[in-house]
C-alpha atoms as a PDB file:
ATOM      1  CA  MET A   1     -19.212   9.089   2.382  1.00  0.00           C
ATOM      2  CA  ARG A   2     -15.772   8.706   3.392  1.00  0.00           C
ATOM      3  CA  THR A   3     -13.497   6.216   2.005  1.00  0.00           C
ATOM      4  CA  PRO A   4     -10.353   4.110   3.315  1.00  0.00           C
ATOM      5  CA  GLU A   5      -7.263   5.862   3.445  1.00  0.00           C
ATOM      6  CA  GLU A   6      -4.951   2.784   3.596  1.00  0.00           C
ATOM      7  CA  PRO A   7      -4.912   0.250   0.787  1.00  0.00           C
ATOM      8  CA  TRP A   8      -5.933  -3.218   1.602  1.00  0.00           C
ATOM      9  CA  SER A   9      -6.655  -6.879   0.052  1.00  0.00           C
ATOM     10  CA  TYR A  10      -8.564  -9.552   1.082  1.00  0.00           C
ATOM     11  CA  GLY A  11      -8.343 -13.034  -1.083  1.00  0.00           C
ATOM     12  CA  LEU A  12     -11.240 -15.684  -0.754  1.00  0.00           C
ATOM     13  CA  PHE A  13     -10.817 -19.184  -2.332  1.00  0.00           C
ATOM     14  CA  ILE A  14     -13.593 -20.511  -3.359  1.00  0.00           C
ATOM     15  CA  PRO A  15     -14.567 -24.329  -4.050  1.00  0.00           C
ATOM     16  CA  HIS A  16     -15.922 -25.768  -7.389  1.00  0.00           C
ATOM     17  CA  ASP A  17     -19.263 -25.480  -5.473  1.00  0.00           C
ATOM     18  CA  PRO A  18     -22.614 -23.812  -6.491  1.00  0.00           C
ATOM     19  CA  ARG A  19     -22.815 -22.136  -3.043  1.00  0.00           C
ATOM     20  CA  ALA A  20     -19.340 -19.898  -3.848  1.00  0.00           C
ATOM     21  CA  VAL A  21     -21.577 -17.567  -5.838  1.00  0.00           C
ATOM     22  CA  GLY A  22     -23.623 -17.165  -2.279  1.00  0.00           C
ATOM     23  CA  VAL A  23     -20.261 -16.893  -0.285  1.00  0.00           C
ATOM     24  CA  ALA A  24     -18.540 -14.563  -2.664  1.00  0.00           C
ATOM     25  CA  ARG A  25     -21.375 -12.007  -2.617  1.00  0.00           C
ATOM     26  CA  ALA A  26     -21.534 -12.256   1.196  1.00  0.00           C
ATOM     27  CA  THR A  27     -17.712 -11.816   1.897  1.00  0.00           C
ATOM     28  CA  ILE A  28     -17.650  -8.696  -0.416  1.00  0.00           C
ATOM     29  CA  ARG A  29     -20.848  -7.196   0.878  1.00  0.00           C
ATOM     30  CA  HIS A  30     -19.434  -7.469   4.251  1.00  0.00           C
ATOM     31  CA  ILE A  31     -15.843  -6.208   3.309  1.00  0.00           C
ATOM     32  CA  LEU A  32     -17.079  -3.115   1.458  1.00  0.00           C
ATOM     33  CA  ARG A  33     -19.916  -2.374   4.313  1.00  0.00           C
ATOM     34  CA  ALA A  34     -16.786  -2.716   6.682  1.00  0.00           C
ATOM     35  CA  ALA A  35     -14.640  -0.232   4.847  1.00  0.00           C
ATOM     36  CA  ARG A  36     -17.824   2.238   4.384  1.00  0.00           C
ATOM     37  CA  LEU A  37     -17.694   1.962   0.627  1.00  0.00           C
ATOM     38  CA  ASP A  38     -21.748   1.419   0.705  1.00  0.00           C
ATOM     39  CA  CYS A  39     -22.352   3.278  -2.741  1.00  0.00           C
ATOM     40  CA  ILE A  40     -20.421   0.304  -4.368  1.00  0.00           C
ATOM     41  CA  VAL A  41     -21.855  -2.619  -2.668  1.00  0.00           C
ATOM     42  CA  ASP A  42     -24.869  -3.637  -4.824  1.00  0.00           C
ATOM     43  CA  THR A  43     -22.761  -3.218  -8.120  1.00  0.00           C
ATOM     44  CA  ALA A  44     -19.741  -5.073  -6.654  1.00  0.00           C
ATOM     45  CA  GLU A  45     -22.001  -7.813  -5.544  1.00  0.00           C
ATOM     46  CA  LEU A  46     -23.644  -8.032  -8.888  1.00  0.00           C
ATOM     47  CA  LEU A  47     -20.561  -8.229 -10.801  1.00  0.00           C
ATOM     48  CA  VAL A  48     -18.875 -10.594  -8.570  1.00  0.00           C
ATOM     49  CA  SER A  49     -21.768 -12.867  -8.674  1.00  0.00           C
ATOM     50  CA  GLU A  50     -21.545 -13.080 -12.565  1.00  0.00           C
ATOM     51  CA  LEU A  51     -18.319 -13.652 -12.415  1.00  0.00           C
ATOM     52  CA  VAL A  52     -17.812 -16.398  -9.838  1.00  0.00           C
ATOM     53  CA  THR A  53     -20.982 -17.968 -11.964  1.00  0.00           C
ATOM     54  CA  ASN A  54     -19.088 -17.922 -15.253  1.00  0.00           C
ATOM     55  CA  THR A  55     -16.298 -20.017 -13.391  1.00  0.00           C
ATOM     56  CA  TYR A  56     -18.420 -22.510 -12.310  1.00  0.00           C
ATOM     57  CA  ARG A  57     -20.017 -23.077 -15.122  1.00  0.00           C
ATOM     58  CA  ASN A  58     -16.804 -23.062 -17.218  1.00  0.00           C
ATOM     59  CA  THR A  59     -14.098 -25.256 -15.022  1.00  0.00           C
ATOM     60  CA  THR A  60     -14.183 -27.798 -12.748  1.00  0.00           C
ATOM     61  CA  THR A  61     -11.594 -26.779 -10.347  1.00  0.00           C
ATOM     62  CA  ASP A  62     -11.476 -24.375  -7.283  1.00  0.00           C
ATOM     63  CA  ALA A  63     -11.212 -20.586  -7.801  1.00  0.00           C
ATOM     64  CA  TYR A  64      -9.591 -17.361  -6.183  1.00  0.00           C
ATOM     65  CA  VAL A  65     -11.110 -13.914  -5.599  1.00  0.00           C
ATOM     66  CA  SER A  66      -9.042 -11.152  -4.769  1.00  0.00           C
ATOM     67  CA  MET A  67     -10.480  -7.886  -3.504  1.00  0.00           C
ATOM     68  CA  ASP A  68      -8.044  -4.878  -3.388  1.00  0.00           C
ATOM     69  CA  TRP A  69      -8.584  -1.452  -2.715  1.00  0.00           C
ATOM     70  CA  GLU A  70      -6.522   1.759  -3.468  1.00  0.00           C
ATOM     71  CA  PRO A  71      -6.992   5.062  -1.751  1.00  0.00           C
ATOM     72  CA  SER A  72      -5.622   7.366  -4.470  1.00  0.00           C
ATOM     73  CA  PRO A  73      -7.026   7.203  -6.720  1.00  0.00           C
ATOM     74  CA  SER A  74     -10.306   5.703  -5.013  1.00  0.00           C
ATOM     75  CA  ASP A  75     -10.212   2.098  -7.372  1.00  0.00           C
ATOM     76  CA  PHE A  76     -11.473  -1.128  -6.080  1.00  0.00           C
ATOM     77  CA  ARG A  77     -10.497  -4.155  -7.991  1.00  0.00           C
ATOM     78  CA  VAL A  78     -11.757  -7.445  -7.707  1.00  0.00           C
ATOM     79  CA  THR A  79     -10.207 -10.368 -10.035  1.00  0.00           C
ATOM     80  CA  VAL A  80     -11.381 -14.015  -9.839  1.00  0.00           C
ATOM     81  CA  TRP A  81      -8.835 -16.628 -11.411  1.00  0.00           C
ATOM     82  CA  ASP A  82      -9.734 -19.694 -12.317  1.00  0.00           C
ATOM     83  CA  SER A  83      -7.780 -22.598 -14.444  1.00  0.00           C
ATOM     84  CA  GLY A  84     -10.280 -22.656 -17.215  1.00  0.00           C
ATOM     85  CA  CYS A  85      -8.858 -22.566 -20.913  1.00  0.00           C
ATOM     86  CA  GLY A  86     -10.259 -19.884 -23.603  1.00  0.00           C
ATOM     87  CA  LEU A  87     -10.881 -16.285 -22.731  1.00  0.00           C
ATOM     88  CA  PRO A  88     -14.626 -15.206 -21.986  1.00  0.00           C
ATOM     89  CA  GLN A  89     -15.953 -12.422 -24.572  1.00  0.00           C
ATOM     90  CA  PRO A  90     -19.290 -10.488 -24.069  1.00  0.00           C
ATOM     91  CA  VAL A  91     -21.868 -12.021 -26.017  1.00  0.00           C
ATOM     92  CA  ALA A  92     -25.366 -10.294 -27.746  1.00  0.00           C
ATOM     93  CA  ALA A  93     -27.833 -12.675 -25.854  1.00  0.00           C
ATOM     94  CA  ASP A  94     -31.150 -13.052 -27.358  1.00  0.00           C
ATOM     95  CA  THR A  95     -34.553 -12.091 -25.798  1.00  0.00           C
ATOM     96  CA  GLU A  96     -35.618 -15.348 -24.671  1.00  0.00           C
ATOM     97  CA  ASP A  97     -32.203 -16.640 -23.573  1.00  0.00           C
ATOM     98  CA  GLU A  98     -31.515 -17.568 -19.932  1.00  0.00           C
ATOM     99  CA  SER A  99     -27.764 -16.929 -20.029  1.00  0.00           C
ATOM    100  CA  GLY A 100     -25.191 -15.036 -21.669  1.00  0.00           C
ATOM    101  CA  ARG A 101     -25.298 -11.525 -20.328  1.00  0.00           C
ATOM    102  CA  GLY A 102     -22.791 -11.678 -17.510  1.00  0.00           C
ATOM    103  CA  LEU A 103     -19.947 -10.328 -19.056  1.00  0.00           C
ATOM    104  CA  THR A 104     -22.180  -7.530 -20.659  1.00  0.00           C
ATOM    105  CA  LEU A 105     -23.291  -6.672 -17.380  1.00  0.00           C
ATOM    106  CA  VAL A 106     -19.968  -6.587 -16.094  1.00  0.00           C
ATOM    107  CA  GLU A 107     -18.479  -4.195 -18.922  1.00  0.00           C
ATOM    108  CA  SER A 108     -21.676  -1.936 -18.146  1.00  0.00           C
ATOM    109  CA  CYS A 109     -21.495  -1.648 -14.759  1.00  0.00           C
ATOM    110  CA  SER A 110     -17.760  -1.607 -14.133  1.00  0.00           C
ATOM    111  CA  ASP A 111     -15.832   1.448 -14.746  1.00  0.00           C
ATOM    112  CA  THR A 112     -13.135  -0.845 -16.460  1.00  0.00           C
ATOM    113  CA  TRP A 113     -12.928  -4.345 -16.970  1.00  0.00           C
ATOM    114  CA  GLY A 114     -10.527  -7.250 -18.569  1.00  0.00           C
ATOM    115  CA  VAL A 115      -9.098 -10.417 -19.049  1.00  0.00           C
ATOM    116  CA  HIS A 116      -5.496 -11.702 -18.015  1.00  0.00           C
ATOM    117  CA  ASP A 117      -4.649 -15.276 -20.110  1.00  0.00           C
ATOM    118  CA  TYR A 118      -2.248 -17.035 -18.117  1.00  0.00           C
ATOM    119  CA  THR A 119      -2.095 -20.376 -20.357  1.00  0.00           C
ATOM    120  CA  ASP A 120       1.610 -21.876 -21.002  1.00  0.00           C
ATOM    121  CA  LYS A 121       0.868 -24.735 -23.289  1.00  0.00           C
ATOM    122  CA  ASP A 122       4.469 -25.734 -22.809  1.00  0.00           C
ATOM    123  CA  ALA A 123       3.761 -26.296 -19.602  1.00  0.00           C
ATOM    124  CA  GLY A 124       0.328 -27.655 -19.609  1.00  0.00           C
ATOM    125  CA  VAL A 125      -0.809 -25.119 -17.544  1.00  0.00           C
ATOM    126  CA  THR A 126      -4.489 -23.041 -18.398  1.00  0.00           C
ATOM    127  CA  GLY A 127      -5.996 -20.396 -16.383  1.00  0.00           C
ATOM    128  CA  LYS A 128      -6.460 -16.858 -16.699  1.00  0.00           C
ATOM    129  CA  ALA A 129      -8.009 -13.790 -14.469  1.00  0.00           C
ATOM    130  CA  VAL A 130     -10.989 -11.746 -14.884  1.00  0.00           C
ATOM    131  CA  TRP A 131     -11.306  -8.327 -13.344  1.00  0.00           C
ATOM    132  CA  PHE A 132     -13.291  -5.335 -12.925  1.00  0.00           C
ATOM    133  CA  THR A 133     -12.845  -2.119 -10.635  1.00  0.00           C
ATOM    134  CA  LEU A 134     -15.574   0.343  -9.267  1.00  0.00           C
ATOM    135  CA  ASN A 135     -14.171   3.728  -8.697  1.00  0.00           C
ATOM    136  CA  PRO A 136     -17.038   4.933  -5.625  1.00  0.00           C
ATOM    137  CA  PRO A 137     -18.014   9.092  -6.166  1.00  0.00           C
ATOM    138  CA  PRO A 138     -15.906  11.415  -3.982  1.00  0.00           C
ATOM    139  CA  PRO A 139     -17.310  12.690  -1.170  1.00  0.00           C
ATOM    140  CA  ALA A 140     -19.437  15.560  -1.232  1.00  0.00           C
ATOM    141  CA  MET A 141     -18.715  19.083  -0.570  1.00  0.00           C
ATOM    142  CA  GLY A 142     -18.483  19.476   3.488  1.00  0.00           C
ATOM    143  CA  GLN A 143     -18.516  15.885   4.097  1.00  0.00           C
ATOM    144  CA  THR A 144     -16.115  14.150   6.399  1.00  0.00           C
ATOM    145  CA  GLY A 145     -17.589  10.895   7.110  1.00  0.00           C
END
């Protein structure tokens, strides 16, 4: 595996539409494959779908997904911005529950994750950004691409 040597960023405005989850998954898959970061594609797809699903379920407005690569040290960050109030927290879902595992997956599968609160009650603004990072493993000895 050879990782990209230059930093880059992509952004995606997504409407409040159930199809947005599939669009976000396909977008991140194509971007990472084009950047030769195949080793993190499956995990990135899973985690972005969890965050975009949370945005769809908990807000009524559009959202924004940013995808940022930093080569040194190797760091891929995905941030999902929405206008929802309240900060999400992982919960312990019961065996029979059909939902409630998304942030637990993000916490378990990412290298780091977090939430930034952008609420300004005086200005009447609500919003947050939920993010995660994935750090691809270093290339194997002798591997150049």
